[in-house]
Amino acid sequence: MNERAQNAPNDEDDHVCSCGLVKVDIDTLYKVSQILSHSLNLRDTLEQVLTLLHDVGGFQNGMISLLDEDTGNLNLRVSSKKGVVSDGTISYRPGEGVVGEIMETCVAVVVPNIAQEPKFLGRAGAHDPSLPFIGVPIFSGDEPLGVLAAQPSLGLEDLNGRARFMEMIANLIAQTVRLWVQLENEKRELKEERDTLRRVIKHEHGFDNIVGRSQSMCRVFEQVRLVSAWNTTVLLRGESGTGKELVANAIHYNSPRVHGPMVKLNCAALPDNLLESELFGHEKGAFTGANTQRKGRFEMAHGGTLFLDEIGEISAAFQAKLLRVLQEGEFERVGGNKTLKVDVRVIAATNRDLEEEVESGAFREDLYYRLNVMPINMPPLRDRVEDIPDLARFLVNKIAKHQGRPLDITDSAVRILVRHNWPGNVRELENMLERASIMGEKGIIDRDVIALSGLSNKMLAPPVVASGSPGAMAPAPSAVDLNDPNLDERERVIAALEEAGWVQAKAARLLNMTPRQIAYRIQTLNIKVRQI
């Protein structure tokens, strides 16, 4: 106890003076423990403790200051003047004033007369100069957390006893403060991790992951950019493997709903009875095995986006159930009678010809118009051949990152890819490149590795005919510069052979060689000659 405590009575007097307060103190301690165990709202809890000390415990003008881990200062969190509790913005540096000294020395201080104490600052403006002042540190183990201070209005003849009682209160408060500090730190870490993950996910699902400079892809980018800003229902159309899910991700993560959930469901993967439960949820006991209530995908996507892939696969019976939630945003869980309302943006995708399905009666016309608000058509890979070089290099870098090793693809390999028909679109291209990366032990994907990966010559696409004039050839990918210093000798010879249609004499002229010289290089460089 600090030496400012004067005229402290002996133990016998302490017992005599405090005997009338023992029951009050025990009741106060019990009520404080109840308050501290009821809530994790720190401000409300500390507020109730100070109010209780004022009303029952015989302490006025209480204040609790807590350590700010970032600045090292004590910040006044709660103060009470005559029982009225208020927040404050007052802070104390370690060693500053009586409160700062308590924090620095971790020793309780008793000031019998605050008017005669030069260190007493009175910043809170809530103290009675006619009453003593007691301040005690709030500890958790050996770690100081703050200071509890108040002015006793009862038991003034035993200030040391009053200080010990306040230390008991401070010990109880410490557990709550320590738990609150831990929770705040965890919340801060989780928030930082959440923000980091959001940035990563937005980057991974942004426009940078949709590669393409062709006219058809530029049109897709423009549509996605425009529709992302609104809550309009989007219908993504195109063959399997054209990147419809990537576009759905890009729409969500570039929309105002980016902070909401992105929920996905493949409608073709489930029968009607399971699909209804999956989308709308079910109540406990709704069917055999429904042991608990379960939220559906629409509820999970509230405030965000729901991506329904293969929407053309759902049955006519289920189409009617889906139509209602798309129109009204309302549904009932399976086995329930309570109508639930959700705010969900729907992005649907299909590889079917829905107009033909509507014509044949397999797809409801009203549902078709509800979904087809903003259609975006994904072009097949064979219709955007000029995107293949960039797309191949992007996918090789992606595969290299996943495999944790450097990978590269040669120009000759890219030229082979450009001539393939790609019935499986981008998904087929990615699978083939991953297969080739395994076959290319040295981390180089060249034309020979492409051949080993199963890309058959018979799958090469025929010449692309430009729209408009019959028989007109579409612009071919730009020819390779045979004088490019980045090309090694093997690549240069292969490029010349490809440009010459694998006629060696013509390729020799392109390289300023004799037929004998190019034949020698084909043999020594182990180039497999294609037969045209």
Protein backbone atom coordinates (compact mmCIF):
# COMPACT_ATOMS: atom_id res chain seq x y z
CA MET A 1 0.00 0.00 0.00
CA ASN A 2 1.34 3.45 -0.87
CA GLU A 3 2.70 5.53 1.98
CA ARG A 4 0.20 8.30 1.30
CA ALA A 5 -2.25 6.30 3.45
CA GLN A 6 -2.17 8.01 6.81
CA ASN A 7 -3.41 7.10 10.29
CA ALA A 8 -4.06 3.50 9.27
CA PRO A 9 -5.58 1.62 12.26
CA ASN A 10 -4.09 -1.63 13.57
CA ASP A 11 -5.50 -5.09 12.79
CA GLU A 12 -7.68 -5.13 15.89
CA ASP A 13 -9.21 -1.76 15.06
CA ASP A 14 -9.61 -2.92 11.47
CA HIS A 15 -11.63 -5.86 12.65
CA VAL A 16 -13.75 -3.70 14.89
CA CYS A 17 -14.28 -0.93 12.33
CA SER A 18 -15.09 -3.25 9.51
CA CYS A 19 -17.33 -5.70 11.31
CA GLY A 20 -20.38 -3.71 10.40
CA LEU A 21 -19.36 -3.69 6.72
CA VAL A 22 -18.42 -7.36 6.25
CA LYS A 23 -21.84 -8.45 5.08
CA VAL A 24 -22.15 -5.41 2.78
CA ASP A 25 -18.77 -6.17 1.23
CA ILE A 26 -19.61 -9.85 0.69
CA ASP A 27 -22.94 -8.95 -0.89
CA THR A 28 -21.22 -6.39 -3.12
CA LEU A 29 -18.57 -8.89 -4.24
CA TYR A 30 -21.26 -11.43 -5.03
CA LYS A 31 -23.28 -8.93 -7.08
CA VAL A 32 -20.15 -7.75 -8.92
CA SER A 33 -19.34 -11.35 -9.86
CA GLN A 34 -22.89 -11.77 -11.16
CA ILE A 35 -22.58 -8.65 -13.32
CA LEU A 36 -19.23 -9.75 -14.74
CA SER A 37 -20.56 -13.18 -15.67
CA HIS A 38 -23.62 -11.94 -17.55
CA SER A 39 -22.22 -9.98 -20.49
CA LEU A 40 -19.18 -9.62 -22.74
CA ASN A 41 -20.09 -6.03 -23.57
CA LEU A 42 -17.23 -4.39 -21.70
CA ARG A 43 -18.62 -0.90 -21.47
CA ASP A 44 -22.00 -2.02 -20.16
CA THR A 45 -20.37 -4.41 -17.67
CA LEU A 46 -17.96 -1.82 -16.24
CA GLU A 47 -20.77 0.71 -16.15
CA GLN A 48 -22.91 -1.62 -14.03
CA VAL A 49 -19.98 -2.36 -11.68
CA LEU A 50 -19.39 1.36 -10.97
CA THR A 51 -23.11 1.91 -10.49
CA LEU A 52 -23.24 -0.99 -8.02
CA LEU A 53 -20.22 0.37 -6.08
CA HIS A 54 -21.98 3.71 -5.84
CA ASP A 55 -25.40 2.36 -4.86
CA VAL A 56 -24.37 -0.48 -2.54
CA GLY A 57 -20.64 -0.56 -1.93
CA GLY A 58 -20.13 2.89 -0.53
CA PHE A 59 -17.89 4.24 -3.30
CA GLN A 60 -18.53 7.43 -5.25
CA ASN A 61 -17.05 8.96 -8.41
CA GLY A 62 -15.56 5.70 -9.66
CA MET A 63 -13.48 5.45 -12.79
CA ILE A 64 -11.88 2.60 -14.74
CA SER A 65 -8.96 3.24 -17.08
CA LEU A 66 -7.59 0.50 -19.33
CA LEU A 67 -4.22 0.09 -21.00
CA ASP A 68 -4.06 0.80 -24.73
CA GLU A 69 -1.66 -1.80 -26.15
CA ASP A 70 -0.91 0.33 -29.19
CA THR A 71 0.06 3.57 -27.38
CA GLY A 72 0.96 2.26 -23.91
CA ASN A 73 -1.29 4.93 -22.34
CA LEU A 74 -4.19 4.52 -19.95
CA ASN A 75 -7.48 5.52 -21.53
CA LEU A 76 -10.46 6.38 -19.35
CA ARG A 77 -13.10 3.87 -20.43
CA VAL A 78 -15.86 4.51 -17.85
CA SER A 79 -16.33 7.15 -15.14
CA SER A 80 -19.13 7.78 -12.68
CA LYS A 81 -20.00 11.03 -10.98
CA LYS A 82 -22.70 10.69 -8.33
CA GLY A 83 -23.91 7.52 -9.99
CA VAL A 84 -24.21 8.94 -13.51
CA VAL A 85 -21.93 6.93 -15.78
CA SER A 86 -20.30 8.43 -18.87
CA ASP A 87 -17.52 7.62 -21.32
CA GLY A 88 -14.43 9.78 -21.45
CA THR A 89 -11.63 10.57 -23.86
CA ILE A 90 -9.09 11.24 -21.10
CA SER A 91 -5.77 9.38 -21.12
CA TYR A 92 -2.75 9.14 -18.80
CA ARG A 93 0.82 8.34 -19.73
CA PRO A 94 2.64 5.85 -17.46
CA GLY A 95 3.80 7.74 -14.34
CA GLU A 96 1.59 10.75 -15.10
CA GLY A 97 -0.49 11.83 -12.10
CA VAL A 98 -1.73 9.44 -9.44
CA VAL A 99 -3.45 7.15 -11.99
CA GLY A 100 -0.36 6.95 -14.19
CA GLU A 101 1.79 6.22 -11.13
CA ILE A 102 -0.46 3.32 -10.11
CA MET A 103 -0.08 1.83 -13.59
CA GLU A 104 3.68 2.30 -13.62
CA THR A 105 4.39 0.99 -10.10
CA CYS A 106 1.50 -1.54 -9.98
CA VAL A 107 0.91 -0.49 -6.35
CA ALA A 108 -2.36 0.70 -4.83
CA VAL A 109 -2.51 4.35 -3.74
CA VAL A 110 -4.61 5.84 -0.95
CA VAL A 111 -4.90 9.65 -0.84
CA PRO A 112 -6.65 10.82 2.36
CA ASN A 113 -6.90 14.42 1.11
CA ILE A 114 -6.77 14.97 -2.65
CA ALA A 115 -6.64 18.76 -2.21
CA GLN A 116 -3.17 18.37 -0.67
CA GLU A 117 -1.86 15.85 -3.19
CA PRO A 118 0.24 17.64 -5.88
CA LYS A 119 0.19 14.62 -8.19
CA PHE A 120 -3.59 14.42 -8.28
CA LEU A 121 -4.62 15.87 -11.68
CA GLY A 122 -8.40 15.62 -11.42
CA ARG A 123 -8.80 15.40 -15.21
CA ALA A 124 -12.09 13.54 -14.98
CA GLY A 125 -13.58 16.46 -13.05
CA ALA A 126 -15.69 14.02 -11.09
CA HIS A 127 -14.07 13.96 -7.65
CA ASP A 128 -15.22 15.40 -4.33
CA PRO A 129 -12.33 17.22 -2.61
CA SER A 130 -13.87 16.37 0.79
CA LEU A 131 -13.49 12.62 0.25
CA PRO A 132 -10.37 10.43 0.09
CA PHE A 133 -9.20 8.80 -3.15
CA ILE A 134 -8.25 5.13 -3.64
CA GLY A 135 -6.72 3.71 -6.81
CA VAL A 136 -5.74 0.08 -7.36
CA PRO A 137 -4.15 -1.69 -10.35
CA ILE A 138 -6.13 -4.19 -12.40
CA PHE A 139 -3.96 -7.29 -12.91
CA SER A 140 -4.18 -10.50 -14.92
CA GLY A 141 -1.34 -12.65 -13.61
CA ASP A 142 1.70 -10.38 -13.87
CA GLU A 143 0.23 -8.34 -16.66
CA PRO A 144 -1.19 -4.88 -15.77
CA LEU A 145 -4.43 -4.14 -17.58
CA GLY A 146 -5.62 -0.87 -16.06
CA VAL A 147 -6.60 1.05 -12.93
CA LEU A 148 -9.76 1.08 -10.80
CA ALA A 149 -10.24 4.26 -8.74
CA ALA A 150 -13.04 5.61 -6.53
CA GLN A 151 -13.76 7.74 -3.46
CA PRO A 152 -15.04 5.82 -0.42
CA SER A 153 -18.03 7.37 1.33
CA LEU A 154 -18.26 4.62 3.97
CA GLY A 155 -15.59 3.21 6.28
CA LEU A 156 -13.44 6.33 6.09
CA GLU A 157 -11.77 5.35 9.37
CA ASP A 158 -10.30 2.26 7.62
CA LEU A 159 -8.96 3.41 4.25
CA ASN A 160 -6.52 0.48 4.03
CA GLY A 161 -9.43 -1.93 4.44
CA ARG A 162 -11.37 -0.08 1.77
CA ALA A 163 -8.33 -0.32 -0.53
CA ARG A 164 -8.09 -4.09 0.02
CA PHE A 165 -11.77 -4.40 -0.82
CA MET A 166 -11.24 -2.45 -4.06
CA GLU A 167 -8.35 -4.77 -4.91
CA MET A 168 -10.79 -7.68 -4.65
CA ILE A 169 -13.14 -5.89 -7.04
CA ALA A 170 -10.20 -5.18 -9.39
CA ASN A 171 -9.25 -8.88 -9.39
CA LEU A 172 -12.77 -9.79 -10.46
CA ILE A 173 -12.78 -7.11 -13.16
CA ALA A 174 -9.39 -8.30 -14.45
CA GLN A 175 -10.78 -11.63 -15.64
CA THR A 176 -13.46 -9.91 -17.70
CA VAL A 177 -11.00 -7.35 -19.11
CA ARG A 178 -8.48 -10.08 -20.01
CA LEU A 179 -11.19 -12.07 -21.81
CA TRP A 180 -12.36 -8.93 -23.61
CA VAL A 181 -8.80 -8.08 -24.71
CA GLN A 182 -8.35 -11.61 -26.07
CA LEU A 183 -11.65 -11.42 -27.93
CA GLU A 184 -10.79 -8.00 -29.37
CA ASN A 185 -7.40 -9.25 -30.55
CA GLU A 186 -8.99 -12.31 -32.12
CA LYS A 187 -11.67 -10.16 -33.76
CA ARG A 188 -8.97 -7.85 -35.13
CA GLU A 189 -6.97 -10.79 -36.48
CA LEU A 190 -10.08 -12.35 -38.01
CA LYS A 191 -11.04 -9.02 -39.60
CA GLU A 192 -7.55 -8.62 -41.06
CA GLU A 193 -7.62 -12.21 -42.31
CA ARG A 194 -11.11 -11.70 -43.74
CA ASP A 195 -10.04 -8.53 -45.55
CA THR A 196 -6.93 -10.27 -46.88
CA LEU A 197 -8.98 -13.23 -48.10
CA ARG A 198 -11.48 -10.87 -49.73
CA ARG A 199 -8.67 -9.14 -51.60
CA VAL A 200 -7.19 -12.49 -52.66
CA ILE A 201 -10.56 -13.89 -53.74
CA LYS A 202 -11.45 -10.70 -55.61
CA HIS A 203 -8.11 -10.91 -57.41
CA GLU A 204 -8.52 -14.60 -58.18
CA HIS A 205 -12.07 -14.15 -59.43
CA GLY A 206 -11.66 -10.77 -61.10
CA PHE A 207 -11.39 -9.87 -64.75
CA ASP A 208 -7.68 -10.74 -64.77
CA ASN A 209 -8.60 -14.42 -64.70
CA ILE A 210 -10.69 -14.18 -67.86
CA VAL A 211 -8.17 -14.07 -70.70
CA GLY A 212 -9.12 -12.87 -74.13
CA ARG A 213 -8.57 -10.06 -76.62
CA SER A 214 -10.80 -11.33 -79.39
CA GLN A 215 -13.80 -9.31 -80.44
CA SER A 216 -16.23 -11.84 -78.97
CA MET A 217 -14.48 -11.78 -75.57
CA CYS A 218 -14.28 -7.99 -75.56
CA ARG A 219 -18.05 -7.98 -75.96
CA VAL A 220 -18.36 -10.37 -72.98
CA PHE A 221 -16.11 -8.12 -70.85
CA GLU A 222 -18.22 -5.08 -71.67
CA GLN A 223 -21.45 -6.88 -70.79
CA VAL A 224 -20.00 -8.14 -67.51
CA ARG A 225 -18.74 -4.66 -66.62
CA LEU A 226 -22.14 -3.12 -67.24
CA VAL A 227 -24.26 -5.77 -65.51
CA SER A 228 -22.02 -6.05 -62.41
CA ALA A 229 -23.25 -2.71 -61.08
CA TRP A 230 -26.87 -3.84 -60.86
CA ASN A 231 -28.93 -6.63 -59.30
CA THR A 232 -30.20 -7.84 -62.65
CA THR A 233 -30.63 -11.58 -63.16
CA VAL A 234 -27.98 -12.90 -65.56
CA LEU A 235 -28.17 -15.95 -67.84
CA LEU A 236 -24.77 -17.25 -68.96
CA ARG A 237 -25.00 -19.30 -72.12
CA GLY A 238 -22.40 -21.35 -73.91
CA GLU A 239 -20.84 -24.76 -74.31
CA SER A 240 -19.42 -26.65 -71.35
CA GLY A 241 -15.91 -25.50 -70.51
CA THR A 242 -16.18 -21.97 -71.89
CA GLY A 243 -15.74 -20.30 -68.50
CA LYS A 244 -19.29 -19.51 -67.41
CA GLU A 245 -18.45 -19.96 -63.72
CA LEU A 246 -15.46 -17.62 -64.05
CA VAL A 247 -17.76 -14.95 -65.46
CA ALA A 248 -20.28 -15.53 -62.64
CA ASN A 249 -17.48 -15.01 -60.11
CA ALA A 250 -16.33 -11.86 -61.89
CA ILE A 251 -19.87 -10.42 -61.81
CA HIS A 252 -20.26 -11.08 -58.08
CA TYR A 253 -16.82 -9.89 -56.97
CA ASN A 254 -17.12 -6.68 -58.98
CA SER A 255 -20.65 -5.89 -57.80
CA PRO A 256 -22.01 -4.04 -54.75
CA ARG A 257 -22.74 -7.49 -53.29
CA VAL A 258 -19.04 -8.32 -53.03
CA HIS A 259 -19.23 -8.39 -49.21
CA GLY A 260 -22.14 -10.85 -49.32
CA PRO A 261 -21.84 -14.60 -49.88
CA MET A 262 -21.32 -16.24 -53.26
CA VAL A 263 -23.24 -19.53 -53.16
CA LYS A 264 -23.14 -22.08 -55.98
CA LEU A 265 -25.21 -25.12 -56.92
CA ASN A 266 -25.06 -27.50 -59.87
CA CYS A 267 -28.71 -28.19 -60.60
CA ALA A 268 -27.89 -31.26 -62.70
CA ALA A 269 -26.21 -33.02 -59.79
CA LEU A 270 -29.37 -33.62 -57.71
CA PRO A 271 -32.84 -35.15 -58.25
CA ASP A 272 -35.89 -32.97 -57.69
CA ASN A 273 -36.58 -33.98 -54.07
CA LEU A 274 -33.01 -33.29 -52.98
CA LEU A 275 -32.76 -30.18 -55.12
CA GLU A 276 -35.77 -28.63 -53.37
CA SER A 277 -34.27 -29.30 -49.95
CA GLU A 278 -30.86 -28.03 -51.10
CA LEU A 279 -32.24 -24.76 -52.45
CA PHE A 280 -35.03 -24.02 -49.97
CA GLY A 281 -33.87 -25.91 -46.86
CA HIS A 282 -36.03 -28.13 -44.66
CA GLU A 283 -37.58 -28.23 -41.22
CA LYS A 284 -36.77 -30.83 -38.61
CA GLY A 285 -38.79 -33.98 -39.27
CA ALA A 286 -39.77 -32.93 -42.80
CA PHE A 287 -38.67 -36.32 -44.10
CA THR A 288 -36.75 -39.38 -42.95
CA GLY A 289 -33.28 -38.31 -41.93
CA ALA A 290 -34.17 -34.64 -41.40
CA ASN A 291 -32.98 -34.61 -37.79
CA THR A 292 -32.37 -30.87 -37.65
CA GLN A 293 -33.57 -27.73 -39.36
CA ARG A 294 -31.37 -26.82 -42.32
CA LYS A 295 -31.01 -23.62 -44.29
CA GLY A 296 -31.15 -23.82 -48.06
CA ARG A 297 -28.90 -22.15 -50.61
CA PHE A 298 -31.29 -19.22 -51.04
CA GLU A 299 -31.10 -18.42 -47.32
CA MET A 300 -27.33 -18.89 -47.32
CA ALA A 301 -27.02 -16.46 -50.24
CA HIS A 302 -29.11 -13.72 -48.57
CA GLY A 303 -27.49 -10.36 -49.35
CA GLY A 304 -25.23 -11.95 -51.95
CA THR A 305 -25.34 -13.98 -55.15
CA LEU A 306 -26.64 -17.46 -55.99
CA PHE A 307 -25.09 -19.17 -59.02
CA LEU A 308 -27.32 -21.90 -60.47
CA ASP A 309 -25.30 -23.93 -62.94
CA GLU A 310 -26.96 -26.22 -65.49
CA ILE A 311 -30.32 -24.53 -64.94
CA GLY A 312 -31.66 -26.18 -68.10
CA GLU A 313 -31.51 -29.60 -66.45
CA ILE A 314 -34.26 -29.05 -63.86
CA SER A 315 -37.61 -30.78 -64.36
CA ALA A 316 -40.83 -29.03 -65.33
CA ALA A 317 -42.30 -29.69 -61.86
CA PHE A 318 -39.43 -27.97 -60.10
CA GLN A 319 -39.40 -25.08 -62.57
CA ALA A 320 -42.70 -23.84 -61.12
CA LYS A 321 -41.28 -23.83 -57.59
CA LEU A 322 -38.21 -21.95 -58.72
CA LEU A 323 -40.26 -19.38 -60.61
CA ARG A 324 -41.96 -18.12 -57.45
CA VAL A 325 -38.76 -17.38 -55.56
CA LEU A 326 -37.29 -15.65 -58.61
CA GLN A 327 -40.39 -13.46 -58.97
CA GLU A 328 -41.20 -12.68 -55.34
CA GLY A 329 -38.07 -13.61 -53.40
CA GLU A 330 -40.30 -15.79 -51.17
CA PHE A 331 -40.36 -19.50 -50.39
CA GLU A 332 -41.05 -22.04 -47.65
CA ARG A 333 -38.66 -24.65 -46.34
CA VAL A 334 -39.57 -28.26 -47.07
CA GLY A 335 -41.99 -29.34 -44.34
CA GLY A 336 -42.55 -25.77 -43.15
CA ASN A 337 -45.41 -23.29 -43.45
CA LYS A 338 -43.55 -20.08 -42.67
CA THR A 339 -42.88 -17.87 -45.68
CA LEU A 340 -39.29 -16.65 -45.83
CA LYS A 341 -38.15 -13.63 -47.83
CA VAL A 342 -34.61 -13.28 -49.15
CA ASP A 343 -32.59 -10.71 -51.08
CA VAL A 344 -30.58 -12.73 -53.58
CA ARG A 345 -29.16 -11.98 -56.99
CA VAL A 346 -29.43 -15.00 -59.29
CA ILE A 347 -26.90 -15.87 -61.97
CA ALA A 348 -27.89 -18.93 -63.98
CA ALA A 349 -25.90 -20.87 -66.56
CA THR A 350 -26.78 -23.43 -69.19
CA ASN A 351 -25.31 -25.11 -72.25
CA ARG A 352 -28.76 -25.99 -73.62
CA ASP A 353 -30.72 -24.22 -76.34
CA LEU A 354 -33.47 -22.88 -74.09
CA GLU A 355 -35.45 -21.43 -77.00
CA GLU A 356 -35.72 -24.90 -78.47
CA GLU A 357 -36.59 -26.29 -75.02
CA VAL A 358 -39.38 -23.71 -74.65
CA GLU A 359 -40.67 -24.53 -78.12
CA SER A 360 -40.83 -28.24 -77.27
CA GLY A 361 -42.47 -27.57 -73.88
CA ALA A 362 -39.56 -28.96 -71.85
CA PHE A 363 -38.83 -25.55 -70.29
CA ARG A 364 -41.42 -23.12 -68.96
CA GLU A 365 -41.71 -20.00 -71.05
CA ASP A 366 -42.36 -17.74 -68.05
CA LEU A 367 -39.25 -19.07 -66.27
CA TYR A 368 -37.22 -18.58 -69.44
CA TYR A 369 -38.17 -14.90 -69.58
CA ARG A 370 -37.52 -14.51 -65.85
CA LEU A 371 -33.98 -15.87 -66.29
CA ASN A 372 -33.17 -14.35 -69.67
CA VAL A 373 -33.09 -10.74 -68.44
CA MET A 374 -29.41 -10.20 -69.27
CA PRO A 375 -28.05 -13.02 -71.45
CA ILE A 376 -24.29 -13.29 -71.92
CA ASN A 377 -23.10 -15.71 -74.60
CA MET A 378 -19.71 -17.33 -73.99
CA PRO A 379 -17.95 -18.05 -77.31
CA PRO A 380 -16.36 -21.48 -77.80
CA LEU A 381 -12.57 -21.59 -77.91
CA ARG A 382 -12.48 -22.60 -81.57
CA ASP A 383 -14.20 -19.30 -82.44
CA ARG A 384 -11.52 -17.20 -80.73
CA VAL A 385 -8.31 -18.81 -81.92
CA GLU A 386 -6.38 -15.56 -81.46
CA ASP A 387 -6.87 -15.88 -77.67
CA ILE A 388 -5.19 -19.29 -77.44
CA PRO A 389 -1.54 -18.07 -77.13
CA ASP A 390 -2.35 -15.74 -74.22
CA LEU A 391 -4.69 -18.28 -72.68
CA ALA A 392 -2.11 -21.08 -72.92
CA ARG A 393 0.59 -19.00 -71.22
CA PHE A 394 -1.85 -17.88 -68.51
CA LEU A 395 -2.82 -21.48 -67.79
CA VAL A 396 0.82 -22.64 -67.77
CA ASN A 397 1.63 -19.97 -65.16
CA LYS A 398 -1.39 -21.08 -63.13
CA ILE A 399 -0.30 -24.74 -63.29
CA ALA A 400 3.27 -23.76 -62.38
CA LYS A 401 2.00 -21.93 -59.30
CA HIS A 402 -0.02 -24.96 -58.19
CA GLN A 403 2.87 -27.35 -58.78
CA GLY A 404 5.36 -25.03 -57.11
CA ARG A 405 7.92 -25.10 -59.91
CA PRO A 406 8.83 -23.05 -63.00
CA LEU A 407 7.09 -24.02 -66.24
CA ASP A 408 7.39 -22.61 -69.72
CA ILE A 409 5.72 -23.28 -73.05
CA THR A 410 7.48 -22.85 -76.38
CA ASP A 411 6.15 -21.00 -79.39
CA SER A 412 6.11 -24.21 -81.43
CA ALA A 413 3.85 -25.82 -78.82
CA VAL A 414 1.54 -22.80 -78.90
CA ARG A 415 1.30 -23.01 -82.69
CA ILE A 416 0.14 -26.62 -82.40
CA LEU A 417 -2.47 -25.59 -79.84
CA VAL A 418 -3.78 -22.90 -82.17
CA ARG A 419 -4.56 -25.50 -84.85
CA HIS A 420 -6.51 -27.82 -82.54
CA ASN A 421 -10.31 -27.82 -82.70
CA TRP A 422 -10.85 -27.86 -78.87
CA PRO A 423 -14.26 -29.53 -78.57
CA GLY A 424 -13.83 -29.35 -74.79
CA ASN A 425 -13.01 -25.63 -74.87
CA VAL A 426 -10.87 -24.01 -72.15
CA ARG A 427 -11.36 -26.93 -69.76
CA GLU A 428 -9.87 -29.29 -72.33
CA LEU A 429 -6.97 -26.89 -72.94
CA GLU A 430 -6.20 -26.61 -69.23
CA ASN A 431 -6.34 -30.39 -68.72
CA MET A 432 -4.08 -30.97 -71.70
CA LEU A 433 -1.53 -28.40 -70.46
CA GLU A 434 -1.51 -29.93 -66.99
CA ARG A 435 -0.95 -33.34 -68.55
CA ALA A 436 1.85 -31.88 -70.69
CA SER A 437 3.46 -30.26 -67.63
CA ILE A 438 3.77 -33.73 -66.09
CA MET A 439 5.27 -35.14 -69.30
CA GLY A 440 7.73 -32.25 -69.59
CA GLU A 441 10.19 -33.29 -66.91
CA LYS A 442 12.50 -30.30 -67.50
CA GLY A 443 9.69 -27.79 -67.01
CA ILE A 444 9.46 -27.04 -70.75
CA ILE A 445 6.28 -27.75 -72.71
CA ASP A 446 7.34 -28.01 -76.36
CA ARG A 447 5.73 -29.52 -79.43
CA ASP A 448 7.07 -33.00 -78.65
CA VAL A 449 5.59 -32.91 -75.14
CA ILE A 450 2.30 -31.72 -76.61
CA ALA A 451 2.32 -34.75 -78.91
CA LEU A 452 3.06 -37.07 -75.97
CA SER A 453 0.15 -35.56 -74.03
CA GLY A 454 -2.32 -36.95 -76.56
CA LEU A 455 -3.05 -34.06 -78.89
CA SER A 456 -3.69 -35.95 -82.11
CA ASN A 457 -2.87 -34.50 -85.53
CA LYS A 458 -6.23 -35.66 -86.82
CA MET A 459 -7.89 -33.25 -84.37
CA LEU A 460 -6.29 -30.25 -86.05
CA ALA A 461 -8.88 -27.69 -87.02
CA PRO A 462 -9.55 -26.93 -90.67
CA PRO A 463 -8.76 -23.45 -91.94
CA VAL A 464 -11.03 -20.89 -90.33
CA VAL A 465 -13.37 -19.19 -92.75
CA ALA A 466 -14.09 -15.57 -92.01
CA SER A 467 -17.73 -14.54 -91.86
CA GLY A 468 -18.95 -12.45 -94.74
CA SER A 469 -17.19 -13.52 -97.93
CA PRO A 470 -17.44 -17.27 -98.63
CA GLY A 471 -14.09 -18.98 -98.74
CA ALA A 472 -12.23 -15.98 -97.32
CA MET A 473 -9.62 -16.94 -94.78
CA ALA A 474 -9.69 -15.45 -91.32
CA PRO A 475 -6.49 -13.73 -90.24
CA ALA A 476 -4.08 -16.38 -89.00
CA PRO A 477 -2.11 -15.90 -85.82
CA SER A 478 0.88 -13.66 -86.47
CA ALA A 479 3.87 -15.42 -88.02
CA VAL A 480 6.93 -16.08 -85.92
CA ASP A 481 9.89 -13.75 -86.44
CA LEU A 482 12.65 -16.14 -87.51
CA ASN A 483 15.25 -13.53 -86.54
CA ASP A 484 13.96 -13.23 -83.00
CA PRO A 485 17.04 -13.59 -80.73
CA ASN A 486 14.87 -15.23 -78.06
CA LEU A 487 14.28 -18.25 -80.32
CA ASP A 488 16.83 -21.04 -79.92
CA GLU A 489 18.01 -22.90 -83.02
CA ARG A 490 15.55 -25.77 -82.62
CA GLU A 491 12.58 -23.43 -82.28
CA ARG A 492 13.75 -21.40 -85.27
CA VAL A 493 14.01 -24.48 -87.49
CA ILE A 494 10.60 -25.76 -86.35
CA ALA A 495 9.03 -22.35 -86.97
CA ALA A 496 10.47 -22.23 -90.48
CA LEU A 497 9.25 -25.75 -91.22
CA GLU A 498 5.76 -24.91 -90.01
CA GLU A 499 5.68 -21.72 -92.05
CA ALA A 500 6.88 -23.67 -95.10
CA GLY A 501 4.26 -26.37 -94.65
CA TRP A 502 7.01 -28.82 -93.67
CA VAL A 503 8.63 -28.56 -97.08
CA GLN A 504 12.33 -28.70 -96.19
CA ALA A 505 13.60 -26.93 -99.28
CA LYS A 506 11.26 -24.01 -98.70
CA ALA A 507 12.17 -23.87 -95.00
CA ALA A 508 15.85 -23.85 -95.94
CA ARG A 509 15.31 -20.77 -98.10
CA LEU A 510 13.55 -19.00 -95.24
CA LEU A 511 16.59 -19.66 -93.05
CA ASN A 512 19.14 -18.89 -95.77
CA MET A 513 20.36 -22.51 -95.63
CA THR A 514 20.86 -25.27 -98.13
CA PRO A 515 18.55 -28.32 -98.07
CA ARG A 516 21.51 -30.38 -96.85
CA GLN A 517 22.08 -27.98 -93.92
CA ILE A 518 18.48 -28.00 -92.78
CA ALA A 519 18.28 -31.79 -93.11
CA TYR A 520 21.37 -32.05 -90.91
CA ARG A 521 19.84 -29.75 -88.28
CA ILE A 522 16.56 -31.68 -88.31
CA GLN A 523 18.54 -34.82 -87.57
CA THR A 524 20.89 -33.37 -84.93
CA LEU A 525 18.14 -31.36 -83.18
CA ASN A 526 15.89 -34.45 -83.06
CA ILE A 527 12.96 -32.78 -84.80
CA LYS A 528 10.11 -35.09 -85.69
CA VAL A 529 9.11 -34.22 -89.24
CA ARG A 530 5.39 -34.05 -89.95
CA GLN A 531 4.10 -35.70 -93.08
CA ILE A 532 1.69 -33.42 -94.91
